C-alpha cells in the first residue's frame, strides 16, 4: 500500500486492496462496490457535511430495526432495489415474466397450519369475505403436490397483525399444503392497500420527494417444495387506486390478480349473505434449491 497523494490514489489503493479478497464472488462484489461508490462520491461532489449526514442516516436505519419493523427492507423497496434484485434473479434472468416478487418486511416464520378450505381469520376482522383458490405448478404446467404455501396479508383497514393491537397474534396468516392437483384454498377477508411506515428515514425521504407512501392491496405467498426454488409472490388487486404508483415498485404484469366481486349467496358458506370476493390464481415454481429466506421480523 502506497502513501496517498491525491483523490485518484485513494480509489486506486482501495481497489488494489479489494483485489486481494480470497473469495472470488466476494472479491467481484467488493471491487464493483468500491468502484461505483467512489464514482458516486465524485459524481455528486459529496461534501463533508453531507457525508456525515449520510453516516447518521445509515446509523439511524440500523437503530430502527426491531422484532416488528425492518427499516432497511423498507428503504430497499422504496429505492426499487428489492424489485430489481428479484427480477434479475428470476424469469430467465429478467428476460421472461416471473411469479416471483419481493418478500416484503412483514413475513413471519411458523404461521399456523390451516386445512384446505379453512379460514385464516383468527380475530374479529370486519370486511368482505374473500375466498381464495390457488394452484401451484411447475414451468411446464404440471401440478406440484405437497408444497407448503405460507400466506399473509393486511386487514381491511390496511394493517398487518404485528402492527395492530386489535388483531390477535397470527391473524390473517396461515400455512397450507397443496393436494394431488397442486391446489389449496382458504377463506379470509378482502385486504386493503396501506401506507408503509413513515415515522423513520424512509418517511422523510418520501416527503422530501413528494411521494405518497401507499402500497396497492395484495396477497402474499411464500411456497416451499424441495427441488424447487422458494417462490415468494404477491398478487395485486388491479382495481386499487395505487396500482400504477406502488411506493415499493413491486407491481409487475405477472402479479396482477382477478379479485371478482359477487353479490349472489355463496354456494357453500351459508353465513355469507352480502358482498363477497373470490380469487383464483396459479403460482409457477422454477426448479432450484429450496432455501428459506431470513424473516425480516419475528
C-alpha atoms as a PDB file:
ATOM      1  CA  UNK A   1       0.000   0.000   0.000  1.00  0.00           C
ATOM      2  CA  UNK A   2       1.362   3.396  -1.019  1.00  0.00           C
ATOM      3  CA  UNK A   3       1.182   6.778   0.651  1.00  0.00           C
ATOM      4  CA  UNK A   4      -1.869   8.689  -0.649  1.00  0.00           C
ATOM      5  CA  UNK A   5      -1.032  11.786  -2.700  1.00  0.00           C
ATOM      6  CA  UNK A   6      -4.371  12.701  -4.339  1.00  0.00           C
ATOM      7  CA  UNK A   7      -8.009  11.555  -4.727  1.00  0.00           C
ATOM      8  CA  UNK A   8      -7.207   9.141  -7.533  1.00  0.00           C
ATOM      9  CA  UNK A   9      -4.664   7.407  -5.315  1.00  0.00           C
ATOM     10  CA  UNK A  10      -7.397   6.675  -2.770  1.00  0.00           C
ATOM     11  CA  UNK A  11      -9.532   4.834  -5.316  1.00  0.00           C
ATOM     12  CA  UNK A  12      -6.534   3.002  -6.784  1.00  0.00           C
ATOM     13  CA  UNK A  13      -5.347   1.784  -3.385  1.00  0.00           C
ATOM     14  CA  UNK A  14      -8.837   0.723  -2.290  1.00  0.00           C
ATOM     15  CA  UNK A  15      -9.397  -1.269  -5.491  1.00  0.00           C
ATOM     16  CA  UNK A  16      -5.968  -2.883  -5.128  1.00  0.00           C
ATOM     17  CA  UNK A  17      -6.860  -3.922  -1.593  1.00  0.00           C
ATOM     18  CA  UNK A  18     -10.215  -5.338  -2.698  1.00  0.00           C
ATOM     19  CA  UNK A  19      -8.372  -7.384  -5.357  1.00  0.00           C
ATOM     20  CA  UNK A  20      -6.703  -9.371  -2.576  1.00  0.00           C
ATOM     21  CA  UNK A  21     -10.044 -10.744  -1.274  1.00  0.00           C
ATOM     22  CA  UNK A  22      -9.736 -14.546  -1.300  1.00  0.00           C
ATOM     23  CA  UNK A  23     -13.350 -15.494  -2.081  1.00  0.00           C
ATOM     24  CA  UNK A  24     -13.948 -14.909  -5.824  1.00  0.00           C
ATOM     25  CA  UNK A  25     -17.570 -13.792  -5.548  1.00  0.00           C
ATOM     26  CA  UNK A  26     -16.888 -11.507  -2.572  1.00  0.00           C
ATOM     27  CA  UNK A  27     -13.905 -10.074  -4.492  1.00  0.00           C
ATOM     28  CA  UNK A  28     -16.107  -9.329  -7.505  1.00  0.00           C
ATOM     29  CA  UNK A  29     -18.748  -7.652  -5.336  1.00  0.00           C
ATOM     30  CA  UNK A  30     -16.311  -5.559  -3.290  1.00  0.00           C
ATOM     31  CA  UNK A  31     -14.359  -4.319  -6.314  1.00  0.00           C
ATOM     32  CA  UNK A  32     -17.560  -3.238  -8.044  1.00  0.00           C
ATOM     33  CA  UNK A  33     -18.954  -1.687  -4.860  1.00  0.00           C
ATOM     34  CA  UNK A  34     -15.789   0.311  -4.197  1.00  0.00           C
ATOM     35  CA  UNK A  35     -15.530   1.468  -7.819  1.00  0.00           C
ATOM     36  CA  UNK A  36     -19.174   2.605  -8.021  1.00  0.00           C
ATOM     37  CA  UNK A  37     -19.159   4.143  -4.541  1.00  0.00           C
ATOM     38  CA  UNK A  38     -16.069   6.198  -5.239  1.00  0.00           C
ATOM     39  CA  UNK A  39     -17.502   7.308  -8.583  1.00  0.00           C
ATOM     40  CA  UNK A  40     -20.757   8.265  -6.881  1.00  0.00           C
ATOM     41  CA  UNK A  41     -18.847  10.496  -4.454  1.00  0.00           C
ATOM     42  CA  UNK A  42     -17.149  12.172  -7.407  1.00  0.00           C
ATOM     43  CA  UNK A  43     -20.347  12.492  -9.474  1.00  0.00           C
ATOM     44  CA  UNK A  44     -22.337  14.295  -6.775  1.00  0.00           C
ATOM     45  CA  UNK A  45     -19.298  16.108  -5.329  1.00  0.00           C
ATOM     46  CA  UNK A  46     -20.245  14.892  -1.865  1.00  0.00           C
ATOM     47  CA  UNK A  47     -19.478  17.474   0.818  1.00  0.00           C
ATOM     48  CA  UNK A  48     -18.117  16.656   4.256  1.00  0.00           C
ATOM     49  CA  UNK A  49     -21.392  17.744   5.867  1.00  0.00           C
ATOM     50  CA  UNK A  50     -23.380  15.517   3.501  1.00  0.00           C
ATOM     51  CA  UNK A  51     -21.086  12.587   4.223  1.00  0.00           C
ATOM     52  CA  UNK A  52     -21.607  12.985   7.977  1.00  0.00           C
ATOM     53  CA  UNK A  53     -25.363  13.247   7.416  1.00  0.00           C
ATOM     54  CA  UNK A  54     -25.328  10.064   5.314  1.00  0.00           C
ATOM     55  CA  UNK A  55     -23.470   8.155   8.024  1.00  0.00           C
ATOM     56  CA  UNK A  56     -26.002   9.360  10.580  1.00  0.00           C
ATOM     57  CA  UNK A  57     -28.877   8.184   8.362  1.00  0.00           C
ATOM     58  CA  UNK A  58     -27.358   4.710   7.970  1.00  0.00           C
ATOM     59  CA  UNK A  59     -26.852   4.510  11.729  1.00  0.00           C
ATOM     60  CA  UNK A  60     -30.469   5.560  12.272  1.00  0.00           C
ATOM     61  CA  UNK A  61     -31.764   2.894   9.882  1.00  0.00           C
ATOM     62  CA  UNK A  62     -29.953   0.235  11.889  1.00  0.00           C
ATOM     63  CA  UNK A  63     -31.205   1.602  15.188  1.00  0.00           C
ATOM     64  CA  UNK A  64     -34.808   1.482  13.954  1.00  0.00           C
ATOM     65  CA  UNK A  65     -34.681  -2.289  13.462  1.00  0.00           C
ATOM     66  CA  UNK A  66     -36.836  -4.270  15.886  1.00  0.00           C
ATOM     67  CA  UNK A  67     -38.719  -7.554  16.154  1.00  0.00           C
ATOM     68  CA  UNK A  68     -41.660  -5.971  14.324  1.00  0.00           C
ATOM     69  CA  UNK A  69     -40.043  -3.434  11.993  1.00  0.00           C
ATOM     70  CA  UNK A  70     -37.357  -3.545   9.282  1.00  0.00           C
ATOM     71  CA  UNK A  71     -36.438  -0.049   8.095  1.00  0.00           C
ATOM     72  CA  UNK A  72     -33.666  -1.270   5.795  1.00  0.00           C
ATOM     73  CA  UNK A  73     -36.080  -3.534   3.914  1.00  0.00           C
ATOM     74  CA  UNK A  74     -38.466  -0.585   3.539  1.00  0.00           C
ATOM     75  CA  UNK A  75     -35.662   1.567   2.176  1.00  0.00           C
ATOM     76  CA  UNK A  76     -34.548  -1.126  -0.283  1.00  0.00           C
ATOM     77  CA  UNK A  77     -38.099  -1.340  -1.604  1.00  0.00           C
ATOM     78  CA  UNK A  78     -38.569   2.423  -1.755  1.00  0.00           C
ATOM     79  CA  UNK A  79     -35.436   2.713  -3.906  1.00  0.00           C
ATOM     80  CA  UNK A  80     -36.566  -0.105  -6.220  1.00  0.00           C
ATOM     81  CA  UNK A  81     -33.625  -2.310  -5.226  1.00  0.00           C
ATOM     82  CA  UNK A  82     -35.770  -5.184  -3.907  1.00  0.00           C
ATOM     83  CA  UNK A  83     -37.792  -5.355  -7.110  1.00  0.00           C
ATOM     84  CA  UNK A  84     -34.706  -5.112  -9.316  1.00  0.00           C
ATOM     85  CA  UNK A  85     -32.881  -7.926  -7.495  1.00  0.00           C
ATOM     86  CA  UNK A  86     -35.990 -10.099  -7.740  1.00  0.00           C
ATOM     87  CA  UNK A  87     -36.469  -9.588 -11.478  1.00  0.00           C
ATOM     88  CA  UNK A  88     -32.777 -10.052 -12.328  1.00  0.00           C
ATOM     89  CA  UNK A  89     -32.655 -13.374 -10.466  1.00  0.00           C
ATOM     90  CA  UNK A  90     -35.833 -14.941 -11.858  1.00  0.00           C
ATOM     91  CA  UNK A  91     -37.680 -15.390 -15.140  1.00  0.00           C
ATOM     92  CA  UNK A  92     -34.561 -16.372 -17.100  1.00  0.00           C
ATOM     93  CA  UNK A  93     -32.559 -13.520 -15.565  1.00  0.00           C
ATOM     94  CA  UNK A  94     -35.236 -10.940 -16.246  1.00  0.00           C
ATOM     95  CA  UNK A  95     -35.964 -11.971 -19.837  1.00  0.00           C
ATOM     96  CA  UNK A  96     -39.374 -13.553 -19.176  1.00  0.00           C
ATOM     97  CA  UNK A  97     -42.264 -12.970 -16.792  1.00  0.00           C
ATOM     98  CA  UNK A  98     -41.974 -14.401 -13.314  1.00  0.00           C
ATOM     99  CA  UNK A  99     -44.327 -15.087 -10.418  1.00  0.00           C
ATOM    100  CA  UNK A 100     -41.540 -14.075  -8.031  1.00  0.00           C
ATOM    101  CA  UNK A 101     -41.857 -10.846  -6.075  1.00  0.00           C
ATOM    102  CA  UNK A 102     -40.370  -9.072  -3.076  1.00  0.00           C
ATOM    103  CA  UNK A 103     -40.502 -10.749   0.333  1.00  0.00           C
ATOM    104  CA  UNK A 104     -41.532  -7.507   1.993  1.00  0.00           C
ATOM    105  CA  UNK A 105     -40.959  -6.529   5.619  1.00  0.00           C
ATOM    106  CA  UNK A 106     -43.832  -8.462   7.272  1.00  0.00           C
ATOM    107  CA  UNK A 107     -43.245 -12.186   6.681  1.00  0.00           C
ATOM    108  CA  UNK A 108     -43.041 -14.277   9.859  1.00  0.00           C
ATOM    109  CA  UNK A 109     -41.974 -17.873  10.469  1.00  0.00           C
ATOM    110  CA  UNK A 110     -44.254 -20.530  11.928  1.00  0.00           C
ATOM    111  CA  UNK A 111     -47.643 -19.420  10.645  1.00  0.00           C
ATOM    112  CA  UNK A 112     -50.411 -21.697  11.991  1.00  0.00           C
ATOM    113  CA  UNK A 113     -51.386 -24.722   9.915  1.00  0.00           C
ATOM    114  CA  UNK A 114     -54.712 -24.440   8.103  1.00  0.00           C
ATOM    115  CA  UNK A 115     -56.638 -27.253   6.424  1.00  0.00           C
ATOM    116  CA  UNK A 116     -57.552 -26.731   2.783  1.00  0.00           C
ATOM    117  CA  UNK A 117     -60.740 -24.687   2.706  1.00  0.00           C
ATOM    118  CA  UNK A 118     -60.167 -23.381   6.238  1.00  0.00           C
ATOM    119  CA  UNK A 119     -60.049 -19.797   7.457  1.00  0.00           C
ATOM    120  CA  UNK A 120     -57.037 -17.649   8.331  1.00  0.00           C
ATOM    121  CA  UNK A 121     -59.237 -15.129  10.182  1.00  0.00           C
ATOM    122  CA  UNK A 122     -58.456 -15.554  13.894  1.00  0.00           C
ATOM    123  CA  UNK A 123     -59.948 -12.445  15.435  1.00  0.00           C
ATOM    124  CA  UNK A 124     -62.907 -10.179  14.756  1.00  0.00           C
ATOM    125  CA  UNK A 125     -61.916  -8.605  11.428  1.00  0.00           C
ATOM    126  CA  UNK A 126     -64.849  -6.825   9.784  1.00  0.00           C
ATOM    127  CA  UNK A 127     -64.722  -6.828   5.993  1.00  0.00           C
ATOM    128  CA  UNK A 128     -65.974  -8.507   2.848  1.00  0.00           C
ATOM    129  CA  UNK A 129     -65.298 -12.253   2.837  1.00  0.00           C
ATOM    130  CA  UNK A 130     -62.601 -13.425   0.416  1.00  0.00           C
ATOM    131  CA  UNK A 131     -62.358 -17.000  -0.874  1.00  0.00           C
ATOM    132  CA  UNK A 132     -59.006 -17.905  -2.420  1.00  0.00           C
ATOM    133  CA  UNK A 133     -58.269 -20.891  -4.648  1.00  0.00           C
ATOM    134  CA  UNK A 134     -54.681 -21.388  -5.713  1.00  0.00           C
ATOM    135  CA  UNK A 135     -52.823 -23.892  -7.841  1.00  0.00           C
ATOM    136  CA  UNK A 136     -49.080 -24.491  -7.727  1.00  0.00           C
ATOM    137  CA  UNK A 137     -47.446 -25.779 -10.916  1.00  0.00           C
ATOM    138  CA  UNK A 138     -44.003 -26.091 -12.492  1.00  0.00           C
ATOM    139  CA  UNK A 139     -42.964 -24.227 -15.643  1.00  0.00           C
ATOM    140  CA  UNK A 140     -44.486 -26.990 -17.783  1.00  0.00           C
ATOM    141  CA  UNK A 141     -47.844 -26.640 -16.055  1.00  0.00           C
ATOM    142  CA  UNK A 142     -47.570 -29.848 -14.030  1.00  0.00           C
ATOM    143  CA  UNK A 143     -49.181 -29.820 -10.595  1.00  0.00           C
ATOM    144  CA  UNK A 144     -46.859 -29.713  -7.582  1.00  0.00           C
ATOM    145  CA  UNK A 145     -48.235 -31.878  -4.784  1.00  0.00           C
ATOM    146  CA  UNK A 146     -47.270 -31.362  -1.146  1.00  0.00           C
ATOM    147  CA  UNK A 147     -45.978 -27.814  -1.464  1.00  0.00           C
ATOM    148  CA  UNK A 148     -46.192 -25.698   1.705  1.00  0.00           C
ATOM    149  CA  UNK A 149     -47.983 -22.436   0.989  1.00  0.00           C
ATOM    150  CA  UNK A 150     -47.472 -19.698   3.582  1.00  0.00           C
ATOM    151  CA  UNK A 151     -49.963 -16.839   3.071  1.00  0.00           C
ATOM    152  CA  UNK A 152     -50.377 -13.474   4.792  1.00  0.00           C
ATOM    153  CA  UNK A 153     -51.956 -10.118   4.059  1.00  0.00           C
ATOM    154  CA  UNK A 154     -53.093  -6.841   5.585  1.00  0.00           C
ATOM    155  CA  UNK A 155     -56.507  -6.319   7.147  1.00  0.00           C
ATOM    156  CA  UNK A 156     -59.390  -4.384   5.549  1.00  0.00           C
ATOM    157  CA  UNK A 157     -58.043  -1.290   7.324  1.00  0.00           C
ATOM    158  CA  UNK A 158     -54.558  -1.817   5.886  1.00  0.00           C
ATOM    159  CA  UNK A 159     -52.693  -3.180   8.915  1.00  0.00           C
ATOM    160  CA  UNK A 160     -50.767  -6.414   9.445  1.00  0.00           C
ATOM    161  CA  UNK A 161     -51.450  -8.095  12.775  1.00  0.00           C
ATOM    162  CA  UNK A 162     -47.999  -7.248  14.133  1.00  0.00           C
ATOM    163  CA  UNK A 163     -48.883  -3.553  13.645  1.00  0.00           C
ATOM    164  CA  UNK A 164     -52.401  -3.684  15.100  1.00  0.00           C
ATOM    165  CA  UNK A 165     -53.251  -4.328  18.779  1.00  0.00           C
ATOM    166  CA  UNK A 166     -56.863  -5.014  17.721  1.00  0.00           C
ATOM    167  CA  UNK A 167     -55.791  -8.210  15.922  1.00  0.00           C
ATOM    168  CA  UNK A 168     -54.685 -11.397  17.689  1.00  0.00           C
ATOM    169  CA  UNK A 169     -51.282 -12.907  17.002  1.00  0.00           C
ATOM    170  CA  UNK A 170     -51.027 -14.516  13.542  1.00  0.00           C
ATOM    171  CA  UNK A 171     -54.373 -13.142  12.343  1.00  0.00           C
ATOM    172  CA  UNK A 172     -54.649 -13.281   8.537  1.00  0.00           C
ATOM    173  CA  UNK A 173     -51.693 -15.647   8.320  1.00  0.00           C
ATOM    174  CA  UNK A 174     -51.666 -19.355   7.628  1.00  0.00           C
ATOM    175  CA  UNK A 175     -49.796 -22.299   6.129  1.00  0.00           C
ATOM    176  CA  UNK A 176     -51.500 -24.747   3.780  1.00  0.00           C
ATOM    177  CA  UNK A 177     -50.391 -27.805   1.791  1.00  0.00           C
ATOM    178  CA  UNK A 178     -51.253 -28.426  -1.855  1.00  0.00           C
ATOM    179  CA  UNK A 179     -53.264 -31.541  -2.728  1.00  0.00           C
ATOM    180  CA  UNK A 180     -52.812 -34.113  -5.515  1.00  0.00           C
ATOM    181  CA  UNK A 181     -53.759 -31.486  -8.092  1.00  0.00           C
ATOM    182  CA  UNK A 182     -51.416 -28.856  -6.669  1.00  0.00           C
ATOM    183  CA  UNK A 183     -54.376 -26.937  -5.256  1.00  0.00           C
ATOM    184  CA  UNK A 184     -55.025 -25.133  -1.987  1.00  0.00           C
ATOM    185  CA  UNK A 185     -57.906 -22.989  -0.766  1.00  0.00           C
ATOM    186  CA  UNK A 186     -58.711 -20.779   2.201  1.00  0.00           C
ATOM    187  CA  UNK A 187     -61.124 -18.151   3.430  1.00  0.00           C
ATOM    188  CA  UNK A 188     -60.193 -14.673   4.612  1.00  0.00           C
ATOM    189  CA  UNK A 189     -61.379 -11.079   4.280  1.00  0.00           C
ATOM    190  CA  UNK A 190     -60.605  -8.693   1.437  1.00  0.00           C
ATOM    191  CA  UNK A 191     -57.389  -6.850   2.172  1.00  0.00           C
ATOM    192  CA  UNK A 192     -56.815  -3.143   1.665  1.00  0.00           C
ATOM    193  CA  UNK A 193     -53.915  -1.146   0.362  1.00  0.00           C
ATOM    194  CA  UNK A 194     -51.911   0.582   3.042  1.00  0.00           C
ATOM    195  CA  UNK A 195     -49.194   3.129   3.748  1.00  0.00           C
ATOM    196  CA  UNK A 196     -45.764   1.819   4.622  1.00  0.00           C
ATOM    197  CA  UNK A 197     -44.427   3.119   7.966  1.00  0.00           C
ATOM    198  CA  UNK A 198     -43.324   6.738   7.565  1.00  0.00           C
ATOM    199  CA  UNK A 199     -42.063   7.593  11.050  1.00  0.00           C
ATOM    200  CA  UNK A 200     -38.444   6.873  10.150  1.00  0.00           C
ATOM    201  CA  UNK A 201     -35.827   7.543   7.487  1.00  0.00           C
ATOM    202  CA  UNK A 202     -37.994   6.218   4.638  1.00  0.00           C
ATOM    203  CA  UNK A 203     -40.824   8.557   5.582  1.00  0.00           C
ATOM    204  CA  UNK A 204     -38.519  11.565   5.462  1.00  0.00           C
ATOM    205  CA  UNK A 205     -37.268  10.512   2.038  1.00  0.00           C
ATOM    206  CA  UNK A 206     -40.802  10.171   0.668  1.00  0.00           C
ATOM    207  CA  UNK A 207     -41.814  13.597   1.999  1.00  0.00           C
ATOM    208  CA  UNK A 208     -38.691  15.178   0.525  1.00  0.00           C
ATOM    209  CA  UNK A 209     -39.557  13.680  -2.864  1.00  0.00           C
ATOM    210  CA  UNK A 210     -43.278  14.456  -2.713  1.00  0.00           C
ATOM    211  CA  UNK A 211     -44.159  10.755  -2.936  1.00  0.00           C
ATOM    212  CA  UNK A 212     -47.145   9.027  -1.362  1.00  0.00           C
ATOM    213  CA  UNK A 213     -46.440   6.045   0.944  1.00  0.00           C
ATOM    214  CA  UNK A 214     -49.155   3.710  -0.389  1.00  0.00           C
ATOM    215  CA  UNK A 215     -48.914   0.080  -1.455  1.00  0.00           C
ATOM    216  CA  UNK A 216     -51.800  -1.365  -3.508  1.00  0.00           C
ATOM    217  CA  UNK A 217     -53.819  -4.199  -1.957  1.00  0.00           C
ATOM    218  CA  UNK A 218     -52.151  -7.589  -2.345  1.00  0.00           C
ATOM    219  CA  UNK A 219     -51.954 -11.160  -1.082  1.00  0.00           C
ATOM    220  CA  UNK A 220     -48.548 -12.554  -0.083  1.00  0.00           C
ATOM    221  CA  UNK A 221     -47.498 -16.173  -0.552  1.00  0.00           C
ATOM    222  CA  UNK A 222     -44.244 -17.996   0.179  1.00  0.00           C
ATOM    223  CA  UNK A 223     -44.241 -21.502  -1.314  1.00  0.00           C
ATOM    224  CA  UNK A 224     -41.775 -24.242  -0.294  1.00  0.00           C
ATOM    225  CA  UNK A 225     -41.161 -27.577  -2.006  1.00  0.00           C
ATOM    226  CA  UNK A 226     -37.834 -29.488  -2.085  1.00  0.00           C
ATOM    227  CA  UNK A 227     -36.396 -29.473  -5.584  1.00  0.00           C
ATOM    228  CA  UNK A 228     -37.825 -26.044  -6.379  1.00  0.00           C
ATOM    229  CA  UNK A 229     -36.636 -22.515  -5.711  1.00  0.00           C
ATOM    230  CA  UNK A 230     -38.638 -20.876  -2.951  1.00  0.00           C
ATOM    231  CA  UNK A 231     -41.458 -18.928  -4.596  1.00  0.00           C
ATOM    232  CA  UNK A 232     -42.139 -15.578  -2.962  1.00  0.00           C
ATOM    233  CA  UNK A 233     -45.096 -13.914  -4.617  1.00  0.00           C
ATOM    234  CA  UNK A 234     -47.637 -11.129  -4.275  1.00  0.00           C
ATOM    235  CA  UNK A 235     -50.977 -10.982  -6.099  1.00  0.00           C
ATOM    236  CA  UNK A 236     -52.284  -7.442  -6.606  1.00  0.00           C
ATOM    237  CA  UNK A 237     -55.815  -6.131  -6.965  1.00  0.00           C
ATOM    238  CA  UNK A 238     -55.904  -4.184 -10.277  1.00  0.00           C
ATOM    239  CA  UNK A 239     -58.804  -2.042  -9.008  1.00  0.00           C
ATOM    240  CA  UNK A 240     -56.672  -0.488  -6.277  1.00  0.00           C
ATOM    241  CA  UNK A 241     -56.207   3.267  -6.952  1.00  0.00           C
ATOM    242  CA  UNK A 242     -52.443   2.976  -6.382  1.00  0.00           C
ATOM    243  CA  UNK A 243     -51.859   0.003  -8.673  1.00  0.00           C
ATOM    244  CA  UNK A 244     -49.690   2.117 -11.003  1.00  0.00           C
ATOM    245  CA  UNK A 245     -47.816   4.046  -8.326  1.00  0.00           C
ATOM    246  CA  UNK A 246     -46.689   1.470  -5.757  1.00  0.00           C
ATOM    247  CA  UNK A 247     -44.244   3.132  -3.377  1.00  0.00           C
ATOM    248  CA  UNK A 248     -42.168  -0.088  -3.382  1.00  0.00           C
ATOM    249  CA  UNK A 249     -42.092  -0.526  -7.192  1.00  0.00           C
ATOM    250  CA  UNK A 250     -43.343  -4.111  -6.791  1.00  0.00           C
ATOM    251  CA  UNK A 251     -46.263  -4.418  -9.230  1.00  0.00           C
ATOM    252  CA  UNK A 252     -45.490  -6.379 -12.398  1.00  0.00           C
ATOM    253  CA  UNK A 253     -47.949  -7.569 -15.027  1.00  0.00           C
ATOM    254  CA  UNK A 254     -47.451 -11.203 -13.986  1.00  0.00           C
ATOM    255  CA  UNK A 255     -48.604 -10.389 -10.446  1.00  0.00           C
ATOM    256  CA  UNK A 256     -51.976  -8.866 -11.329  1.00  0.00           C
ATOM    257  CA  UNK A 257     -54.805 -10.997  -9.914  1.00  0.00           C
ATOM    258  CA  UNK A 258     -58.519 -11.196 -10.615  1.00  0.00           C
ATOM    259  CA  UNK A 259     -60.409 -10.327  -7.448  1.00  0.00           C
ATOM    260  CA  UNK A 260     -64.007 -10.994  -8.516  1.00  0.00           C
ATOM    261  CA  UNK A 261     -66.888  -9.303  -6.685  1.00  0.00           C
ATOM    262  CA  UNK A 262     -70.054 -11.359  -6.049  1.00  0.00           C
ATOM    263  CA  UNK A 263     -73.492 -10.297  -4.849  1.00  0.00           C
ATOM    264  CA  UNK A 264     -75.272 -13.659  -5.022  1.00  0.00           C
ATOM    265  CA  UNK A 265     -75.239 -16.004  -1.993  1.00  0.00           C
ATOM    266  CA  UNK A 266     -72.064 -18.029  -1.594  1.00  0.00           C
ATOM    267  CA  UNK A 267     -72.631 -21.628  -2.776  1.00  0.00           C
ATOM    268  CA  UNK A 268     -71.294 -23.243   0.408  1.00  0.00           C
ATOM    269  CA  UNK A 269     -70.652 -20.567   3.081  1.00  0.00           C
ATOM    270  CA  UNK A 270     -74.173 -20.098   4.443  1.00  0.00           C
ATOM    271  CA  UNK A 271     -73.096 -17.272   6.761  1.00  0.00           C
ATOM    272  CA  UNK A 272     -72.150 -15.087   3.772  1.00  0.00           C
ATOM    273  CA  UNK A 273     -75.169 -13.027   2.798  1.00  0.00           C
ATOM    274  CA  UNK A 274     -73.753  -9.810   1.387  1.00  0.00           C
ATOM    275  CA  UNK A 275     -70.948  -8.915  -0.995  1.00  0.00           C
ATOM    276  CA  UNK A 276     -68.047 -11.345  -1.163  1.00  0.00           C
ATOM    277  CA  UNK A 277     -64.981 -11.801  -3.345  1.00  0.00           C
ATOM    278  CA  UNK A 278     -63.109 -14.674  -4.916  1.00  0.00           C
ATOM    279  CA  UNK A 279     -59.576 -15.035  -6.240  1.00  0.00           C
ATOM    280  CA  UNK A 280     -58.397 -17.931  -8.415  1.00  0.00           C
ATOM    281  CA  UNK A 281     -54.671 -17.794  -9.109  1.00  0.00           C
ATOM    282  CA  UNK A 282     -51.894 -20.060 -10.367  1.00  0.00           C
ATOM    283  CA  UNK A 283     -48.357 -19.951  -8.987  1.00  0.00           C
ATOM    284  CA  UNK A 284     -45.464 -21.145 -11.160  1.00  0.00           C
ATOM    285  CA  UNK A 285     -42.354 -22.539  -9.459  1.00  0.00           C
ATOM    286  CA  UNK A 286     -38.912 -22.942 -11.021  1.00  0.00           C
ATOM    287  CA  UNK A 287     -36.516 -25.814 -10.370  1.00  0.00           C
ATOM    288  CA  UNK A 288     -33.764 -24.984  -7.924  1.00  0.00           C
ATOM    289  CA  UNK A 289     -32.621 -25.156  -4.324  1.00  0.00           C
ATOM    290  CA  UNK A 290     -35.274 -24.705  -1.644  1.00  0.00           C
ATOM    291  CA  UNK A 291     -33.737 -22.253   0.838  1.00  0.00           C
ATOM    292  CA  UNK A 292     -35.945 -20.255   3.182  1.00  0.00           C
ATOM    293  CA  UNK A 293     -35.103 -16.554   3.488  1.00  0.00           C
ATOM    294  CA  UNK A 294     -34.293 -14.983   6.806  1.00  0.00           C
ATOM    295  CA  UNK A 295     -37.506 -13.499   8.305  1.00  0.00           C
ATOM    296  CA  UNK A 296     -37.385  -9.681   8.318  1.00  0.00           C
ATOM    297  CA  UNK A 297     -39.406  -9.640  11.584  1.00  0.00           C
ATOM    298  CA  UNK A 298     -40.011 -12.092  14.434  1.00  0.00           C
END
